[in-house]
Amino acid sequence: MSARDLAKTLGFEGHIQVIDVGANPIDGKPPYHGIYTEDIAHVIGFEPNLEAFAKLEKIKKERDM
């Protein structure tokens, strides 16, 4: 069952607000990846490492296209 199917089954119609402090994806995809890609979550990320931040910005822009 996808995150979208689960949300529909539960009658959830909003967006989950996720704040990711230290958003650098060190070990792969973040735990909220499924709900983010299915547009169930709005993610606010904070990453002080400038190199990691630039990579996250690129991912964000690719998704918004």
PDB file of N, CA and C in Angstrom:
ATOM      1  N   MET A   1       0.853  -1.174   0.000  1.00  0.00           N
ATOM      2  CA  MET A   1       0.000   0.000   0.000  1.00  0.00           C
ATOM      3  C   MET A   1       0.901   1.239   0.000  1.00  0.00           C
ATOM      4  N   SER A   2       0.594   2.155  -0.872  1.00  0.00           N
ATOM      5  CA  SER A   2       1.377   3.389  -0.947  1.00  0.00           C
ATOM      6  C   SER A   2       0.954   4.353   0.162  1.00  0.00           C
ATOM      7  N   ALA A   3       1.790   5.334   0.401  1.00  0.00           N
ATOM      8  CA  ALA A   3       1.461   6.364   1.391  1.00  0.00           C
ATOM      9  C   ALA A   3       0.186   7.096   0.991  1.00  0.00           C
ATOM     10  N   ARG A   4       0.008   7.342  -0.297  1.00  0.00           N
ATOM     11  CA  ARG A   4      -1.199   8.023  -0.787  1.00  0.00           C
ATOM     12  C   ARG A   4      -2.443   7.179  -0.503  1.00  0.00           C
ATOM     13  N   ASP A   5      -2.359   5.860  -0.760  1.00  0.00           N
ATOM     14  CA  ASP A   5      -3.489   4.958  -0.490  1.00  0.00           C
ATOM     15  C   ASP A   5      -3.825   4.931   0.995  1.00  0.00           C
ATOM     16  N   LEU A   6      -2.799   4.896   1.839  1.00  0.00           N
ATOM     17  CA  LEU A   6      -3.027   4.877   3.279  1.00  0.00           C
ATOM     18  C   LEU A   6      -3.704   6.173   3.731  1.00  0.00           C
ATOM     19  N   ALA A   7      -3.222   7.303   3.241  1.00  0.00           N
ATOM     20  CA  ALA A   7      -3.824   8.592   3.601  1.00  0.00           C
ATOM     21  C   ALA A   7      -5.289   8.637   3.181  1.00  0.00           C
ATOM     22  N   LYS A   8      -5.577   8.134   1.987  1.00  0.00           N
ATOM     23  CA  LYS A   8      -6.955   8.125   1.489  1.00  0.00           C
ATOM     24  C   LYS A   8      -7.827   7.216   2.355  1.00  0.00           C
ATOM     25  N   THR A   9      -7.312   6.047   2.708  1.00  0.00           N
ATOM     26  CA  THR A   9      -8.050   5.108   3.547  1.00  0.00           C
ATOM     27  C   THR A   9      -8.368   5.710   4.914  1.00  0.00           C
ATOM     28  N   LEU A  10      -7.409   6.469   5.455  1.00  0.00           N
ATOM     29  CA  LEU A  10      -7.597   7.082   6.766  1.00  0.00           C
ATOM     30  C   LEU A  10      -8.390   8.378   6.709  1.00  0.00           C
ATOM     31  N   GLY A  11      -8.691   8.842   5.506  1.00  0.00           N
ATOM     32  CA  GLY A  11      -9.443  10.080   5.355  1.00  0.00           C
ATOM     33  C   GLY A  11      -8.585  11.327   5.568  1.00  0.00           C
ATOM     34  N   PHE A  12      -7.281  11.172   5.462  1.00  0.00           N
ATOM     35  CA  PHE A  12      -6.362  12.299   5.656  1.00  0.00           C
ATOM     36  C   PHE A  12      -6.293  13.106   4.377  1.00  0.00           C
ATOM     37  N   GLU A  13      -6.602  14.391   4.455  1.00  0.00           N
ATOM     38  CA  GLU A  13      -6.626  15.236   3.267  1.00  0.00           C
ATOM     39  C   GLU A  13      -5.639  16.398   3.325  1.00  0.00           C
ATOM     40  N   GLY A  14      -4.881  16.511   4.384  1.00  0.00           N
ATOM     41  CA  GLY A  14      -3.964  17.638   4.530  1.00  0.00           C
ATOM     42  C   GLY A  14      -2.541  17.294   4.141  1.00  0.00           C
ATOM     43  N   HIS A  15      -1.642  18.090   4.637  1.00  0.00           N
ATOM     44  CA  HIS A  15      -0.214  17.859   4.458  1.00  0.00           C
ATOM     45  C   HIS A  15       0.441  17.734   5.828  1.00  0.00           C
ATOM     46  N   ILE A  16       1.333  16.796   5.948  1.00  0.00           N
ATOM     47  CA  ILE A  16       2.124  16.652   7.159  1.00  0.00           C
ATOM     48  C   ILE A  16       3.288  17.628   7.048  1.00  0.00           C
ATOM     49  N   GLN A  17       3.545  18.349   8.105  1.00  0.00           N
ATOM     50  CA  GLN A  17       4.655  19.295   8.132  1.00  0.00           C
ATOM     51  C   GLN A  17       5.861  18.591   8.751  1.00  0.00           C
ATOM     52  N   VAL A  18       6.935  18.465   7.983  1.00  0.00           N
ATOM     53  CA  VAL A  18       8.153  17.808   8.450  1.00  0.00           C
ATOM     54  C   VAL A  18       9.258  18.847   8.515  1.00  0.00           C
ATOM     55  N   ILE A  19       9.934  18.925   9.645  1.00  0.00           N
ATOM     56  CA  ILE A  19      11.106  19.786   9.769  1.00  0.00           C
ATOM     57  C   ILE A  19      12.300  18.865   9.968  1.00  0.00           C
ATOM     58  N   ASP A  20      13.235  18.923   9.038  1.00  0.00           N
ATOM     59  CA  ASP A  20      14.409  18.054   9.052  1.00  0.00           C
ATOM     60  C   ASP A  20      15.631  18.899   9.383  1.00  0.00           C
ATOM     61  N   VAL A  21      16.077  18.821  10.637  1.00  0.00           N
ATOM     62  CA  VAL A  21      17.265  19.562  11.074  1.00  0.00           C
ATOM     63  C   VAL A  21      18.467  18.659  10.853  1.00  0.00           C
ATOM     64  N   GLY A  22      19.408  19.142  10.042  1.00  0.00           N
ATOM     65  CA  GLY A  22      20.528  18.299   9.634  1.00  0.00           C
ATOM     66  C   GLY A  22      20.070  17.406   8.497  1.00  0.00           C
ATOM     67  N   ALA A  23      19.580  18.016   7.440  1.00  0.00           N
ATOM     68  CA  ALA A  23      18.883  17.318   6.360  1.00  0.00           C
ATOM     69  C   ALA A  23      19.789  16.553   5.393  1.00  0.00           C
ATOM     70  N   ASN A  24      21.090  16.575   5.608  1.00  0.00           N
ATOM     71  CA  ASN A  24      22.026  15.878   4.724  1.00  0.00           C
ATOM     72  C   ASN A  24      21.692  14.384   4.688  1.00  0.00           C
ATOM     73  N   PRO A  25      21.307  13.849   3.525  1.00  0.00           N
ATOM     74  CA  PRO A  25      20.925  12.429   3.434  1.00  0.00           C
ATOM     75  C   PRO A  25      22.150  11.513   3.430  1.00  0.00           C
ATOM     76  N   ILE A  26      22.699  11.242   4.597  1.00  0.00           N
ATOM     77  CA  ILE A  26      23.933  10.468   4.735  1.00  0.00           C
ATOM     78  C   ILE A  26      23.738   9.000   4.380  1.00  0.00           C
ATOM     79  N   ASP A  27      22.654   8.410   4.844  1.00  0.00           N
ATOM     80  CA  ASP A  27      22.426   6.966   4.672  1.00  0.00           C
ATOM     81  C   ASP A  27      21.335   6.653   3.663  1.00  0.00           C
ATOM     82  N   GLY A  28      21.204   7.442   2.632  1.00  0.00           N
ATOM     83  CA  GLY A  28      20.170   7.189   1.643  1.00  0.00           C
ATOM     84  C   GLY A  28      18.971   8.085   1.835  1.00  0.00           C
ATOM     85  N   LYS A  29      17.831   7.595   1.436  1.00  0.00           N
ATOM     86  CA  LYS A  29      16.603   8.390   1.477  1.00  0.00           C
ATOM     87  C   LYS A  29      16.146   8.602   2.921  1.00  0.00           C
ATOM     88  N   PRO A  30      15.576   9.770   3.195  1.00  0.00           N
ATOM     89  CA  PRO A  30      15.094  10.028   4.555  1.00  0.00           C
ATOM     90  C   PRO A  30      13.840   9.205   4.853  1.00  0.00           C
ATOM     91  N   PRO A  31      13.511   9.019   6.138  1.00  0.00           N
ATOM     92  CA  PRO A  31      12.354   8.197   6.491  1.00  0.00           C
ATOM     93  C   PRO A  31      11.024   8.726   5.956  1.00  0.00           C
ATOM     94  N   TYR A  32      10.950  10.004   5.663  1.00  0.00           N
ATOM     95  CA  TYR A  32       9.703  10.603   5.165  1.00  0.00           C
ATOM     96  C   TYR A  32       9.655  10.643   3.638  1.00  0.00           C
ATOM     97  N   HIS A  33      10.568   9.988   2.967  1.00  0.00           N
ATOM     98  CA  HIS A  33      10.673  10.046   1.506  1.00  0.00           C
ATOM     99  C   HIS A  33       9.356   9.693   0.804  1.00  0.00           C
ATOM    100  N   GLY A  34       8.692   8.626   1.249  1.00  0.00           N
ATOM    101  CA  GLY A  34       7.449   8.188   0.607  1.00  0.00           C
ATOM    102  C   GLY A  34       6.343   9.228   0.675  1.00  0.00           C
ATOM    103  N   ILE A  35       6.150   9.816   1.836  1.00  0.00           N
ATOM    104  CA  ILE A  35       5.082  10.808   1.959  1.00  0.00           C
ATOM    105  C   ILE A  35       5.448  12.116   1.265  1.00  0.00           C
ATOM    106  N   TYR A  36       6.750  12.370   1.132  1.00  0.00           N
ATOM    107  CA  TYR A  36       7.199  13.577   0.412  1.00  0.00           C
ATOM    108  C   TYR A  36       6.980  13.415  -1.089  1.00  0.00           C
ATOM    109  N   THR A  37       7.393  12.297  -1.644  1.00  0.00           N
ATOM    110  CA  THR A  37       7.272  12.100  -3.091  1.00  0.00           C
ATOM    111  C   THR A  37       5.818  11.968  -3.534  1.00  0.00           C
ATOM    112  N   GLU A  38       4.953  11.533  -2.630  1.00  0.00           N
ATOM    113  CA  GLU A  38       3.535  11.427  -2.975  1.00  0.00           C
ATOM    114  C   GLU A  38       2.767  12.692  -2.606  1.00  0.00           C
ATOM    115  N   ASP A  39       3.497  13.746  -2.291  1.00  0.00           N
ATOM    116  CA  ASP A  39       2.934  15.071  -1.999  1.00  0.00           C
ATOM    117  C   ASP A  39       1.964  15.064  -0.820  1.00  0.00           C
ATOM    118  N   ILE A  40       2.300  14.264   0.188  1.00  0.00           N
ATOM    119  CA  ILE A  40       1.521  14.248   1.413  1.00  0.00           C
ATOM    120  C   ILE A  40       2.202  15.114   2.466  1.00  0.00           C
ATOM    121  N   ALA A  41       3.507  15.314   2.310  1.00  0.00           N
ATOM    122  CA  ALA A  41       4.266  16.078   3.293  1.00  0.00           C
ATOM    123  C   ALA A  41       4.910  17.303   2.661  1.00  0.00           C
ATOM    124  N   HIS A  42       4.961  18.347   3.438  1.00  0.00           N
ATOM    125  CA  HIS A  42       5.726  19.545   3.090  1.00  0.00           C
ATOM    126  C   HIS A  42       6.949  19.516   3.994  1.00  0.00           C
ATOM    127  N   VAL A  43       8.139  19.556   3.408  1.00  0.00           N
ATOM    128  CA  VAL A  43       9.365  19.416   4.178  1.00  0.00           C
ATOM    129  C   VAL A  43      10.119  20.740   4.227  1.00  0.00           C
ATOM    130  N   ILE A  44      10.493  21.103   5.435  1.00  0.00           N
ATOM    131  CA  ILE A  44      11.388  22.238   5.644  1.00  0.00           C
ATOM    132  C   ILE A  44      12.681  21.634   6.156  1.00  0.00           C
ATOM    133  N   GLY A  45      13.754  21.812   5.403  1.00  0.00           N
ATOM    134  CA  GLY A  45      15.034  21.249   5.793  1.00  0.00           C
ATOM    135  C   GLY A  45      16.019  22.327   6.195  1.00  0.00           C
ATOM    136  N   PHE A  46      16.842  21.998   7.157  1.00  0.00           N
ATOM    137  CA  PHE A  46      17.910  22.883   7.589  1.00  0.00           C
ATOM    138  C   PHE A  46      19.199  22.098   7.518  1.00  0.00           C
ATOM    139  N   GLU A  47      20.140  22.583   6.726  1.00  0.00           N
ATOM    140  CA  GLU A  47      21.431  21.915   6.596  1.00  0.00           C
ATOM    141  C   GLU A  47      22.530  22.965   6.603  1.00  0.00           C
ATOM    142  N   PRO A  48      23.353  23.015   7.667  1.00  0.00           N
ATOM    143  CA  PRO A  48      24.411  24.017   7.749  1.00  0.00           C
ATOM    144  C   PRO A  48      25.617  23.732   6.855  1.00  0.00           C
ATOM    145  N   ASN A  49      25.809  22.481   6.433  1.00  0.00           N
ATOM    146  CA  ASN A  49      26.926  22.146   5.553  1.00  0.00           C
ATOM    147  C   ASN A  49      26.592  22.656   4.150  1.00  0.00           C
ATOM    148  N   LEU A  50      27.355  23.627   3.668  1.00  0.00           N
ATOM    149  CA  LEU A  50      27.023  24.285   2.400  1.00  0.00           C
ATOM    150  C   LEU A  50      27.038  23.335   1.207  1.00  0.00           C
ATOM    151  N   GLU A  51      27.960  22.399   1.185  1.00  0.00           N
ATOM    152  CA  GLU A  51      28.032  21.441   0.076  1.00  0.00           C
ATOM    153  C   GLU A  51      26.793  20.534   0.066  1.00  0.00           C
ATOM    154  N   ALA A  52      26.427  20.031   1.234  1.00  0.00           N
ATOM    155  CA  ALA A  52      25.236  19.184   1.340  1.00  0.00           C
ATOM    156  C   ALA A  52      23.978  19.989   1.033  1.00  0.00           C
ATOM    157  N   PHE A  53      23.939  21.237   1.478  1.00  0.00           N
ATOM    158  CA  PHE A  53      22.796  22.104   1.211  1.00  0.00           C
ATOM    159  C   PHE A  53      22.600  22.301  -0.293  1.00  0.00           C
ATOM    160  N   ALA A  54      23.692  22.515  -1.028  1.00  0.00           N
ATOM    161  CA  ALA A  54      23.612  22.707  -2.481  1.00  0.00           C
ATOM    162  C   ALA A  54      23.017  21.463  -3.156  1.00  0.00           C
ATOM    163  N   LYS A  55      23.401  20.269  -2.695  1.00  0.00           N
ATOM    164  CA  LYS A  55      22.842  19.029  -3.259  1.00  0.00           C
ATOM    165  C   LYS A  55      21.344  18.925  -2.974  1.00  0.00           C
ATOM    166  N   LEU A  56      20.952  19.292  -1.755  1.00  0.00           N
ATOM    167  CA  LEU A  56      19.534  19.256  -1.403  1.00  0.00           C
ATOM    168  C   LEU A  56      18.723  20.247  -2.224  1.00  0.00           C
ATOM    169  N   GLU A  57      19.290  21.408  -2.465  1.00  0.00           N
ATOM    170  CA  GLU A  57      18.603  22.408  -3.294  1.00  0.00           C
ATOM    171  C   GLU A  57      18.400  21.885  -4.709  1.00  0.00           C
ATOM    172  N   LYS A  58      19.390  21.172  -5.246  1.00  0.00           N
ATOM    173  CA  LYS A  58      19.274  20.610  -6.598  1.00  0.00           C
ATOM    174  C   LYS A  58      18.151  19.570  -6.640  1.00  0.00           C
ATOM    175  N   ILE A  59      18.097  18.717  -5.642  1.00  0.00           N
ATOM    176  CA  ILE A  59      17.036  17.703  -5.579  1.00  0.00           C
ATOM    177  C   ILE A  59      15.671  18.379  -5.506  1.00  0.00           C
ATOM    178  N   LYS A  60      15.564  19.405  -4.687  1.00  0.00           N
ATOM    179  CA  LYS A  60      14.308  20.129  -4.524  1.00  0.00           C
ATOM    180  C   LYS A  60      13.869  20.734  -5.850  1.00  0.00           C
ATOM    181  N   LYS A  61      14.775  21.376  -6.571  1.00  0.00           N
ATOM    182  CA  LYS A  61      14.433  22.009  -7.829  1.00  0.00           C
ATOM    183  C   LYS A  61      14.014  20.996  -8.877  1.00  0.00           C
ATOM    184  N   GLU A  62      14.661  19.817  -8.900  1.00  0.00           N
ATOM    185  CA  GLU A  62      14.290  18.765  -9.849  1.00  0.00           C
ATOM    186  C   GLU A  62      12.877  18.275  -9.574  1.00  0.00           C
ATOM    187  N   ARG A  63      12.491  18.182  -8.318  1.00  0.00           N
ATOM    188  CA  ARG A  63      11.149  17.717  -7.968  1.00  0.00           C
ATOM    189  C   ARG A  63      10.093  18.735  -8.341  1.00  0.00           C
ATOM    190  N   ASP A  64      10.431  20.021  -8.235  1.00  0.00           N
ATOM    191  CA  ASP A  64       9.467  21.073  -8.503  1.00  0.00           C
ATOM    192  C   ASP A  64       9.248  21.330  -9.982  1.00  0.00           C
ATOM    193  N   MET A  65      10.015  20.674 -10.843  1.00  0.00           N
ATOM    194  CA  MET A  65       9.871  20.897 -12.285  1.00  0.00           C
ATOM    195  C   MET A  65       8.657  20.196 -12.819  1.00  0.00           C
TER     196      MET A  65
END
